[in-house]
Amino acid sequence: MTRYGAMYGPDITFLGVPSCDLEQPSSWSDAQVVILGAPYDGGTSYRSGARFGPGAIRQACYLGHDGTRPSLALGVDGLLDLRVMDAGDVMMFSGDAERSLAALEQAVHTVSAAGKIPLVLGGDHSVALPDITGVARGVGWGQASVLHFDAHADTGDSSYGSLIGHGQPMRRLIESGAVRGDRFLQIGLRGYWPGPETLQWMADQGMRSYEMTEIVERGLDVCLTEASRIALDECAGVYLSVDIDVVDPGMAPGTGTPEPGGLTSRELLDAVRRLSYELPIVGVEVVEVAPSHDHADVTAMLGSRVVLEALSGIARRQAEQRGRLEPWDRSKPLLSRYGTAR
């Protein structure tokens, strides 16, 4: 689990947070969140390029890399009020799926078992299998629920003869028992896949999928409230899996399998902020950012902001639990709501 630095592009950390080496526990013993890069896109079924996602997300910010980002919405700095460190990229090769995914699972488990929150920058969604398995090994088998933002269910049985790919990880996770099917909640599904057989398998597992038609009809906030209630029932924590293609490709073109008609970038950021603030998060992943298909870095920037919203939400929750801040009131004007958790 040596810190390999960046597999592709410059060797930098996420927005300048301190680096660490997983093989040197003393280098990250004080961390609360450890960022890991998963530069793997060997599971893609359409456009490749997500292997370059970790580097693009780390770099995508016009404010520079100074290790600080105060949130106007939440009044905390997710990079300072949390102790965030970046362990670099796990060595992953698209031609060796078994070895690559095993290395990622071990890295995530190392972080989770130490009581830290792993935050994984993908990579295609194949990495959800080792990511969530590693967390399940850390917090308890079947004890973490999953909130999964995606245009696609990723519950296929096989693709091109392979059981491993970005269209199958959620089925593998439920089959293994790492996650309970009735605590697996999907938000943003749409389009023309999967077919009836796969949908029936999902129903048999007790999965709950919020397709875009339902979200539009009932409202995103109502659906998130319901999903959060289910996720918290009989589970020790919540894993947040964000596939950037949950957002409409007009706002997130840099992805491998774009599907029109998704959430807006504003809706995704608001949702991630809310869930990270309200729920006990035990892991986060942001996947399927493919910069070679991006335009003006808009998708990479969105991926970076998803990470920041998650960190800021977790930081605000912890600050309130320690009694350092009053409960967040989003209706207050900016200057009356701002405070510091340090």
Foldseek 3Di string as FASTA:
>chain_A
DFLPAEPDDDRAAQLAAAAATLVDCVRCLQAQEEEEEQLEALQDDFDDFFSCLVVLLSPPDPVGRDQWDQDLQQQETLSPLGRYYYSHYQDADSVDVVVSLVSLLVSLLSQLLSNHAYEYEDDAQLNVQSNLLSNCNRPHQQQAAEEAQDQAPLCDCADPPHRGHNSRRVVVSCVVRSHQLLRYEYEQHDDDDDDDVSVVVSVVRNHHYHYVVNCVVVPVVVVLVVSQVSRPPRHDFYEYEAELLLAACVQAVQFGDHDHDHHHLVVLLVSLLVCLQPTHYRYYYYGGRRVVRDDPSRNSNSSNSSVRSNSSSVSSNVLVVVVNADDQDSPDDSVVRHDYSD
